[in-house]
Every structure is written in C-alpha cells, then in structure tokens.
PDB file of N, CA and C in Angstrom:
ATOM      1  N   UNK A   1     -24.682  22.840   9.139  1.00  0.00           N
ATOM      2  CA  UNK A   1     -25.715  22.110   9.827  1.00  0.00           C
ATOM      3  C   UNK A   1     -25.914  22.722  11.213  1.00  0.00           C
ATOM      4  N   UNK A   2     -27.163  22.811  11.636  1.00  0.00           N
ATOM      5  CA  UNK A   2     -27.459  23.363  12.958  1.00  0.00           C
ATOM      6  C   UNK A   2     -26.984  22.416  14.044  1.00  0.00           C
ATOM      7  N   UNK A   3     -26.505  22.990  15.134  1.00  0.00           N
ATOM      8  CA  UNK A   3     -26.046  22.189  16.262  1.00  0.00           C
ATOM      9  C   UNK A   3     -27.233  21.788  17.138  1.00  0.00           C
ATOM     10  N   UNK A   4     -27.099  20.644  17.818  1.00  0.00           N
ATOM     11  CA  UNK A   4     -28.051  20.150  18.808  1.00  0.00           C
ATOM     12  C   UNK A   4     -29.463  19.930  18.275  1.00  0.00           C
ATOM     13  N   UNK A   5     -29.596  19.545  16.990  1.00  0.00           N
ATOM     14  CA  UNK A   5     -30.932  19.237  16.492  1.00  0.00           C
ATOM     15  C   UNK A   5     -31.134  17.734  16.292  1.00  0.00           C
ATOM     16  N   UNK A   6     -30.052  16.951  16.307  1.00  0.00           N
ATOM     17  CA  UNK A   6     -30.178  15.511  16.135  1.00  0.00           C
ATOM     18  C   UNK A   6     -30.284  14.815  17.485  1.00  0.00           C
ATOM     19  N   UNK A   7     -30.976  13.664  17.527  1.00  0.00           N
ATOM     20  CA  UNK A   7     -31.053  12.892  18.772  1.00  0.00           C
ATOM     21  C   UNK A   7     -29.664  12.414  19.198  1.00  0.00           C
ATOM     22  N   UNK A   8     -29.542  12.040  20.453  1.00  0.00           N
ATOM     23  CA  UNK A   8     -28.262  11.562  20.983  1.00  0.00           C
ATOM     24  C   UNK A   8     -27.800  10.273  20.309  1.00  0.00           C
ATOM     25  N   UNK A   9     -28.735   9.492  19.777  1.00  0.00           N
ATOM     26  CA  UNK A   9     -28.384   8.212  19.158  1.00  0.00           C
ATOM     27  C   UNK A   9     -27.998   8.351  17.690  1.00  0.00           C
ATOM     28  N   UNK A  10     -27.942   9.560  17.164  1.00  0.00           N
ATOM     29  CA  UNK A  10     -27.573   9.775  15.759  1.00  0.00           C
ATOM     30  C   UNK A  10     -26.085   9.521  15.577  1.00  0.00           C
ATOM     31  N   UNK A  11     -25.751   8.614  14.631  1.00  0.00           N
ATOM     32  CA  UNK A  11     -24.354   8.297  14.343  1.00  0.00           C
ATOM     33  C   UNK A  11     -24.267   7.696  12.955  1.00  0.00           C
ATOM     34  N   UNK A  12     -23.059   7.451  12.465  1.00  0.00           N
ATOM     35  CA  UNK A  12     -22.857   6.816  11.169  1.00  0.00           C
ATOM     36  C   UNK A  12     -23.151   5.323  11.304  1.00  0.00           C
ATOM     37  N   UNK A  13     -23.957   4.790  10.384  1.00  0.00           N
ATOM     38  CA  UNK A  13     -24.324   3.376  10.397  1.00  0.00           C
ATOM     39  C   UNK A  13     -24.019   2.779   9.028  1.00  0.00           C
ATOM     40  N   UNK A  14     -23.474   1.574   9.022  1.00  0.00           N
ATOM     41  CA  UNK A  14     -23.153   0.854   7.798  1.00  0.00           C
ATOM     42  C   UNK A  14     -24.360   0.001   7.412  1.00  0.00           C
ATOM     43  N   UNK A  15     -24.934   0.259   6.230  1.00  0.00           N
ATOM     44  CA  UNK A  15     -26.042  -0.529   5.707  1.00  0.00           C
ATOM     45  C   UNK A  15     -25.481  -1.451   4.626  1.00  0.00           C
ATOM     46  N   UNK A  16     -25.794  -2.750   4.718  1.00  0.00           N
ATOM     47  CA  UNK A  16     -25.290  -3.719   3.756  1.00  0.00           C
ATOM     48  C   UNK A  16     -26.464  -4.421   3.081  1.00  0.00           C
ATOM     49  N   UNK A  17     -26.510  -4.343   1.755  1.00  0.00           N
ATOM     50  CA  UNK A  17     -27.564  -4.963   0.948  1.00  0.00           C
ATOM     51  C   UNK A  17     -27.149  -6.394   0.646  1.00  0.00           C
ATOM     52  N   UNK A  18     -27.917  -7.381   1.141  1.00  0.00           N
ATOM     53  CA  UNK A  18     -27.539  -8.775   0.920  1.00  0.00           C
ATOM     54  C   UNK A  18     -27.826  -9.233  -0.514  1.00  0.00           C
ATOM     55  N   UNK A  19     -28.728  -8.538  -1.214  1.00  0.00           N
ATOM     56  CA  UNK A  19     -29.059  -8.928  -2.581  1.00  0.00           C
ATOM     57  C   UNK A  19     -27.941  -8.566  -3.565  1.00  0.00           C
ATOM     58  N   UNK A  20     -27.336  -7.409  -3.381  1.00  0.00           N
ATOM     59  CA  UNK A  20     -26.309  -6.968  -4.335  1.00  0.00           C
ATOM     60  C   UNK A  20     -24.907  -6.904  -3.732  1.00  0.00           C
ATOM     61  N   UNK A  21     -24.823  -6.913  -2.422  1.00  0.00           N
ATOM     62  CA  UNK A  21     -23.524  -6.789  -1.766  1.00  0.00           C
ATOM     63  C   UNK A  21     -23.078  -5.346  -1.590  1.00  0.00           C
ATOM     64  N   UNK A  22     -23.905  -4.401  -2.021  1.00  0.00           N
ATOM     65  CA  UNK A  22     -23.561  -2.978  -1.889  1.00  0.00           C
ATOM     66  C   UNK A  22     -23.577  -2.571  -0.421  1.00  0.00           C
ATOM     67  N   UNK A  23     -22.716  -1.623  -0.082  1.00  0.00           N
ATOM     68  CA  UNK A  23     -22.638  -1.123   1.295  1.00  0.00           C
ATOM     69  C   UNK A  23     -22.705   0.395   1.269  1.00  0.00           C
ATOM     70  N   UNK A  24     -23.422   0.977   2.245  1.00  0.00           N
ATOM     71  CA  UNK A  24     -23.600   2.415   2.347  1.00  0.00           C
ATOM     72  C   UNK A  24     -23.299   2.848   3.775  1.00  0.00           C
ATOM     73  N   UNK A  25     -22.611   3.955   3.933  1.00  0.00           N
ATOM     74  CA  UNK A  25     -22.367   4.538   5.249  1.00  0.00           C
ATOM     75  C   UNK A  25     -23.218   5.794   5.342  1.00  0.00           C
ATOM     76  N   UNK A  26     -24.234   5.751   6.214  1.00  0.00           N
ATOM     77  CA  UNK A  26     -25.234   6.810   6.288  1.00  0.00           C
ATOM     78  C   UNK A  26     -25.485   7.156   7.753  1.00  0.00           C
ATOM     79  N   UNK A  27     -25.768   8.422   8.024  1.00  0.00           N
ATOM     80  CA  UNK A  27     -26.146   8.840   9.368  1.00  0.00           C
ATOM     81  C   UNK A  27     -27.532   8.325   9.700  1.00  0.00           C
ATOM     82  N   UNK A  28     -27.697   7.737  10.892  1.00  0.00           N
ATOM     83  CA  UNK A  28     -28.979   7.154  11.276  1.00  0.00           C
ATOM     84  C   UNK A  28     -29.083   7.043  12.787  1.00  0.00           C
ATOM     85  N   UNK A  29     -30.322   6.864  13.267  1.00  0.00           N
ATOM     86  CA  UNK A  29     -30.567   6.628  14.691  1.00  0.00           C
ATOM     87  C   UNK A  29     -31.027   5.202  14.948  1.00  0.00           C
ATOM     88  N   UNK A  30     -31.020   4.347  13.916  1.00  0.00           N
ATOM     89  CA  UNK A  30     -31.516   2.981  14.034  1.00  0.00           C
ATOM     90  C   UNK A  30     -30.657   2.179  15.016  1.00  0.00           C
ATOM     91  N   UNK A  31     -31.307   1.307  15.782  1.00  0.00           N
ATOM     92  CA  UNK A  31     -30.607   0.465  16.754  1.00  0.00           C
ATOM     93  C   UNK A  31     -30.074  -0.779  16.048  1.00  0.00           C
ATOM     94  N   UNK A  32     -28.811  -1.084  16.223  1.00  0.00           N
ATOM     95  CA  UNK A  32     -28.198  -2.271  15.631  1.00  0.00           C
ATOM     96  C   UNK A  32     -27.408  -3.031  16.682  1.00  0.00           C
ATOM     97  N   UNK A  33     -27.215  -4.319  16.440  1.00  0.00           N
ATOM     98  CA  UNK A  33     -26.417  -5.133  17.359  1.00  0.00           C
ATOM     99  C   UNK A  33     -25.118  -5.594  16.709  1.00  0.00           C
ATOM    100  N   UNK A  34     -25.039  -5.539  15.379  1.00  0.00           N
ATOM    101  CA  UNK A  34     -23.840  -5.963  14.655  1.00  0.00           C
ATOM    102  C   UNK A  34     -22.936  -4.769  14.365  1.00  0.00           C
ATOM    103  N   UNK A  35     -21.686  -5.059  14.083  1.00  0.00           N
ATOM    104  CA  UNK A  35     -20.747  -4.030  13.639  1.00  0.00           C
ATOM    105  C   UNK A  35     -20.022  -4.533  12.409  1.00  0.00           C
ATOM    106  N   UNK A  36     -19.471  -3.604  11.639  1.00  0.00           N
ATOM    107  CA  UNK A  36     -18.726  -3.966  10.444  1.00  0.00           C
ATOM    108  C   UNK A  36     -17.696  -2.900  10.130  1.00  0.00           C
ATOM    109  N   UNK A  37     -16.667  -3.285   9.384  1.00  0.00           N
ATOM    110  CA  UNK A  37     -15.614  -2.329   9.006  1.00  0.00           C
ATOM    111  C   UNK A  37     -15.961  -1.672   7.689  1.00  0.00           C
ATOM    112  N   UNK A  38     -15.744  -0.379   7.619  1.00  0.00           N
ATOM    113  CA  UNK A  38     -15.954   0.400   6.409  1.00  0.00           C
ATOM    114  C   UNK A  38     -14.617   0.543   5.692  1.00  0.00           C
ATOM    115  N   UNK A  39     -14.618   1.160   4.533  1.00  0.00           N
ATOM    116  CA  UNK A  39     -13.417   1.311   3.713  1.00  0.00           C
ATOM    117  C   UNK A  39     -12.312   2.103   4.407  1.00  0.00           C
ATOM    118  N   UNK A  40     -12.682   2.941   5.370  1.00  0.00           N
ATOM    119  CA  UNK A  40     -11.678   3.738   6.081  1.00  0.00           C
ATOM    120  C   UNK A  40     -11.005   2.956   7.211  1.00  0.00           C
ATOM    121  N   UNK A  41     -11.401   1.687   7.395  1.00  0.00           N
ATOM    122  CA  UNK A  41     -10.806   0.836   8.418  1.00  0.00           C
ATOM    123  C   UNK A  41     -11.461   0.957   9.777  1.00  0.00           C
ATOM    124  N   UNK A  42     -12.416   1.869   9.932  1.00  0.00           N
ATOM    125  CA  UNK A  42     -13.091   2.054  11.210  1.00  0.00           C
ATOM    126  C   UNK A  42     -14.271   1.098  11.336  1.00  0.00           C
ATOM    127  N   UNK A  43     -14.606   0.779  12.584  1.00  0.00           N
ATOM    128  CA  UNK A  43     -15.719  -0.101  12.903  1.00  0.00           C
ATOM    129  C   UNK A  43     -16.975   0.748  13.114  1.00  0.00           C
ATOM    130  N   UNK A  44     -18.085   0.361  12.468  1.00  0.00           N
ATOM    131  CA  UNK A  44     -19.351   1.085  12.580  1.00  0.00           C
ATOM    132  C   UNK A  44     -20.475   0.107  12.899  1.00  0.00           C
ATOM    133  N   UNK A  45     -21.566   0.593  13.514  1.00  0.00           N
ATOM    134  CA  UNK A  45     -22.746  -0.264  13.676  1.00  0.00           C
ATOM    135  C   UNK A  45     -23.229  -0.675  12.283  1.00  0.00           C
ATOM    136  N   UNK A  46     -23.693  -1.933  12.129  1.00  0.00           N
ATOM    137  CA  UNK A  46     -24.078  -2.435  10.807  1.00  0.00           C
ATOM    138  C   UNK A  46     -25.501  -2.960  10.836  1.00  0.00           C
ATOM    139  N   UNK A  47     -26.250  -2.669   9.757  1.00  0.00           N
ATOM    140  CA  UNK A  47     -27.594  -3.194   9.576  1.00  0.00           C
ATOM    141  C   UNK A  47     -27.654  -3.844   8.206  1.00  0.00           C
ATOM    142  N   UNK A  48     -28.111  -5.089   8.157  1.00  0.00           N
ATOM    143  CA  UNK A  48     -28.243  -5.817   6.898  1.00  0.00           C
ATOM    144  C   UNK A  48     -29.664  -5.609   6.382  1.00  0.00           C
ATOM    145  N   UNK A  49     -29.782  -5.175   5.123  1.00  0.00           N
ATOM    146  CA  UNK A  49     -31.087  -4.961   4.495  1.00  0.00           C
ATOM    147  C   UNK A  49     -31.231  -5.913   3.313  1.00  0.00           C
ATOM    148  N   UNK A  50     -32.471  -6.293   3.002  1.00  0.00           N
ATOM    149  CA  UNK A  50     -32.709  -7.235   1.917  1.00  0.00           C
ATOM    150  C   UNK A  50     -32.661  -6.577   0.552  1.00  0.00           C
ATOM    151  N   UNK A  51     -32.961  -5.292   0.488  1.00  0.00           N
ATOM    152  CA  UNK A  51     -33.029  -4.616  -0.804  1.00  0.00           C
ATOM    153  C   UNK A  51     -32.671  -3.149  -0.633  1.00  0.00           C
ATOM    154  N   UNK A  52     -32.007  -2.586  -1.626  1.00  0.00           N
ATOM    155  CA  UNK A  52     -31.644  -1.172  -1.613  1.00  0.00           C
ATOM    156  C   UNK A  52     -31.738  -0.640  -3.036  1.00  0.00           C
ATOM    157  N   UNK A  53     -31.311   0.573  -3.251  1.00  0.00           N
ATOM    158  CA  UNK A  53     -31.351   1.146  -4.595  1.00  0.00           C
ATOM    159  C   UNK A  53     -30.431   0.400  -5.556  1.00  0.00           C
ATOM    160  N   UNK A  54     -29.446  -0.311  -5.035  1.00  0.00           N
ATOM    161  CA  UNK A  54     -28.528  -1.076  -5.887  1.00  0.00           C
ATOM    162  C   UNK A  54     -29.117  -2.401  -6.360  1.00  0.00           C
ATOM    163  N   UNK A  55     -30.208  -2.868  -5.705  1.00  0.00           N
ATOM    164  CA  UNK A  55     -30.795  -4.143  -6.100  1.00  0.00           C
ATOM    165  C   UNK A  55     -32.292  -4.063  -6.409  1.00  0.00           C
ATOM    166  N   UNK A  56     -32.933  -2.932  -6.145  1.00  0.00           N
ATOM    167  CA  UNK A  56     -34.372  -2.806  -6.376  1.00  0.00           C
ATOM    168  C   UNK A  56     -34.654  -2.729  -7.883  1.00  0.00           C
ATOM    169  N   UNK A  57     -35.632  -3.496  -8.369  1.00  0.00           N
ATOM    170  CA  UNK A  57     -35.935  -3.508  -9.805  1.00  0.00           C
ATOM    171  C   UNK A  57     -36.267  -2.133 -10.385  1.00  0.00           C
ATOM    172  N   UNK A  58     -36.855  -1.250  -9.608  1.00  0.00           N
ATOM    173  CA  UNK A  58     -37.179   0.086 -10.112  1.00  0.00           C
ATOM    174  C   UNK A  58     -35.910   0.829 -10.527  1.00  0.00           C
ATOM    175  N   UNK A  59     -34.859   0.700  -9.764  1.00  0.00           N
ATOM    176  CA  UNK A  59     -33.614   1.410 -10.038  1.00  0.00           C
ATOM    177  C   UNK A  59     -32.705   0.658 -11.021  1.00  0.00           C
ATOM    178  N   UNK A  60     -32.743  -0.682 -10.979  1.00  0.00           N
ATOM    179  CA  UNK A  60     -31.845  -1.464 -11.828  1.00  0.00           C
ATOM    180  C   UNK A  60     -32.448  -1.792 -13.187  1.00  0.00           C
ATOM    181  N   UNK A  61     -33.779  -1.783 -13.288  1.00  0.00           N
ATOM    182  CA  UNK A  61     -34.445  -2.125 -14.535  1.00  0.00           C
ATOM    183  C   UNK A  61     -34.503  -3.617 -14.786  1.00  0.00           C
ATOM    184  N   UNK A  62     -34.117  -4.422 -13.811  1.00  0.00           N
ATOM    185  CA  UNK A  62     -34.128  -5.876 -13.950  1.00  0.00           C
ATOM    186  C   UNK A  62     -35.242  -6.474 -13.104  1.00  0.00           C
ATOM    187  N   UNK A  63     -35.850  -7.544 -13.623  1.00  0.00           N
ATOM    188  CA  UNK A  63     -36.851  -8.258 -12.837  1.00  0.00           C
ATOM    189  C   UNK A  63     -36.156  -9.286 -11.968  1.00  0.00           C
ATOM    190  N   UNK A  64     -36.743  -9.542 -10.799  1.00  0.00           N
ATOM    191  CA  UNK A  64     -36.213 -10.600  -9.946  1.00  0.00           C
ATOM    192  C   UNK A  64     -37.328 -11.172  -9.099  1.00  0.00           C
ATOM    193  N   UNK A  65     -37.183 -12.400  -8.690  1.00  0.00           N
ATOM    194  CA  UNK A  65     -38.175 -13.077  -7.877  1.00  0.00           C
ATOM    195  C   UNK A  65     -37.690 -13.098  -6.436  1.00  0.00           C
ATOM    196  N   UNK A  66     -38.547 -12.663  -5.540  1.00  0.00           N
ATOM    197  CA  UNK A  66     -38.197 -12.668  -4.124  1.00  0.00           C
ATOM    198  C   UNK A  66     -38.641 -13.976  -3.480  1.00  0.00           C
ATOM    199  N   UNK A  67     -37.957 -14.382  -2.461  1.00  0.00           N
ATOM    200  CA  UNK A  67     -38.295 -15.587  -1.712  1.00  0.00           C
ATOM    201  C   UNK A  67     -39.433 -15.257  -0.757  1.00  0.00           C
ATOM    202  N   UNK A  68     -40.657 -15.287  -1.257  1.00  0.00           N
ATOM    203  CA  UNK A  68     -41.805 -14.913  -0.433  1.00  0.00           C
ATOM    204  C   UNK A  68     -42.120 -15.973   0.611  1.00  0.00           C
ATOM    205  N   UNK A  69     -41.872 -17.228   0.301  1.00  0.00           N
ATOM    206  CA  UNK A  69     -42.147 -18.291   1.269  1.00  0.00           C
ATOM    207  C   UNK A  69     -41.270 -18.118   2.497  1.00  0.00           C
ATOM    208  N   UNK A  70     -40.015 -17.776   2.297  1.00  0.00           N
ATOM    209  CA  UNK A  70     -39.120 -17.556   3.429  1.00  0.00           C
ATOM    210  C   UNK A  70     -39.553 -16.376   4.271  1.00  0.00           C
ATOM    211  N   UNK A  71     -40.065 -15.343   3.639  1.00  0.00           N
ATOM    212  CA  UNK A  71     -40.537 -14.172   4.368  1.00  0.00           C
ATOM    213  C   UNK A  71     -41.741 -14.512   5.228  1.00  0.00           C
ATOM    214  N   UNK A  72     -42.653 -15.304   4.670  1.00  0.00           N
ATOM    215  CA  UNK A  72     -43.851 -15.692   5.419  1.00  0.00           C
ATOM    216  C   UNK A  72     -43.453 -16.514   6.635  1.00  0.00           C
ATOM    217  N   UNK A  73     -42.535 -17.448   6.442  1.00  0.00           N
ATOM    218  CA  UNK A  73     -42.092 -18.282   7.563  1.00  0.00           C
ATOM    219  C   UNK A  73     -41.426 -17.435   8.652  1.00  0.00           C
ATOM    220  N   UNK A  74     -40.597 -16.481   8.264  1.00  0.00           N
ATOM    221  CA  UNK A  74     -39.949 -15.607   9.260  1.00  0.00           C
ATOM    222  C   UNK A  74     -40.987 -14.777  10.001  1.00  0.00           C
ATOM    223  N   UNK A  75     -42.012 -14.302   9.279  1.00  0.00           N
ATOM    224  CA  UNK A  75     -43.072 -13.534   9.932  1.00  0.00           C
ATOM    225  C   UNK A  75     -43.804 -14.397  10.948  1.00  0.00           C
ATOM    226  N   UNK A  76     -44.128 -15.627  10.565  1.00  0.00           N
ATOM    227  CA  UNK A  76     -44.829 -16.531  11.488  1.00  0.00           C
ATOM    228  C   UNK A  76     -43.983 -16.810  12.728  1.00  0.00           C
ATOM    229  N   UNK A  77     -42.676 -16.976  12.542  1.00  0.00           N
ATOM    230  CA  UNK A  77     -41.785 -17.212  13.681  1.00  0.00           C
ATOM    231  C   UNK A  77     -41.765 -16.018  14.627  1.00  0.00           C
ATOM    232  N   UNK A  78     -41.682 -14.790  14.072  1.00  0.00           N
ATOM    233  CA  UNK A  78     -41.698 -13.593  14.908  1.00  0.00           C
ATOM    234  C   UNK A  78     -43.023 -13.444  15.641  1.00  0.00           C
ATOM    235  N   UNK A  79     -44.121 -13.741  14.952  1.00  0.00           N
ATOM    236  CA  UNK A  79     -45.440 -13.636  15.559  1.00  0.00           C
ATOM    237  C   UNK A  79     -45.581 -14.654  16.691  1.00  0.00           C
ATOM    238  N   UNK A  80     -45.061 -15.866  16.493  1.00  0.00           N
ATOM    239  CA  UNK A  80     -45.132 -16.898  17.522  1.00  0.00           C
ATOM    240  C   UNK A  80     -44.330 -16.510  18.759  1.00  0.00           C
ATOM    241  N   UNK A  81     -43.191 -15.846  18.567  1.00  0.00           N
ATOM    242  CA  UNK A  81     -42.361 -15.420  19.697  1.00  0.00           C
ATOM    243  C   UNK A  81     -43.072 -14.388  20.554  1.00  0.00           C
ATOM    244  N   UNK A  82     -43.849 -13.513  19.916  1.00  0.00           N
ATOM    245  CA  UNK A  82     -44.521 -12.428  20.652  1.00  0.00           C
ATOM    246  C   UNK A  82     -45.721 -12.929  21.442  1.00  0.00           C
ATOM    247  N   UNK A  83     -46.240 -14.110  21.082  1.00  0.00           N
ATOM    248  CA  UNK A  83     -47.415 -14.632  21.792  1.00  0.00           C
ATOM    249  C   UNK A  83     -47.036 -15.314  23.020  1.00  0.00           C
TER     250      UNK A  83
END
C-alpha cells in the first residue's frame, strides 16, 4: 500500500449490524462517538448500522419487513431539531 495517501482520520472501525448481530472491523474515516471491543480484545470506534450484507435480503435470499414507521418518525425528529 502506498504511504501517505489516506486521510489523517483513517483508522479501523467496528461496524455492528443490529439486524443480524454481525460485526465487521473495517478501515474507515467515518466519525463515531461509541467504542466497542473486537475479538482481539482491543477497543475500536464503533458504528451501529441497520443493515449489512449479513442481513440484506439480496445477499441472504430471505424476505423481511422493515419498520418504516419508526424510520419516518426518526426522520421527522431529526428534521425538527435542525429547524
């Protein structure tokens, strides 16, 4: 890998899928406020995601219903905060 091509904020980040419980340790520049322990016992920045390749119907071949009402309410709450 070439040196000095990644931003200063590039580091290992723990992504956790709440739908399946799967966890991934991936290099990223995303800003997170939570931390979590990985299998190696080290603490990493953590980001919780609603869906990943372990739970997405395209990859799993299973149908599932998403809580769209909850998503709409969360969107309205975020929009209200910005106003």
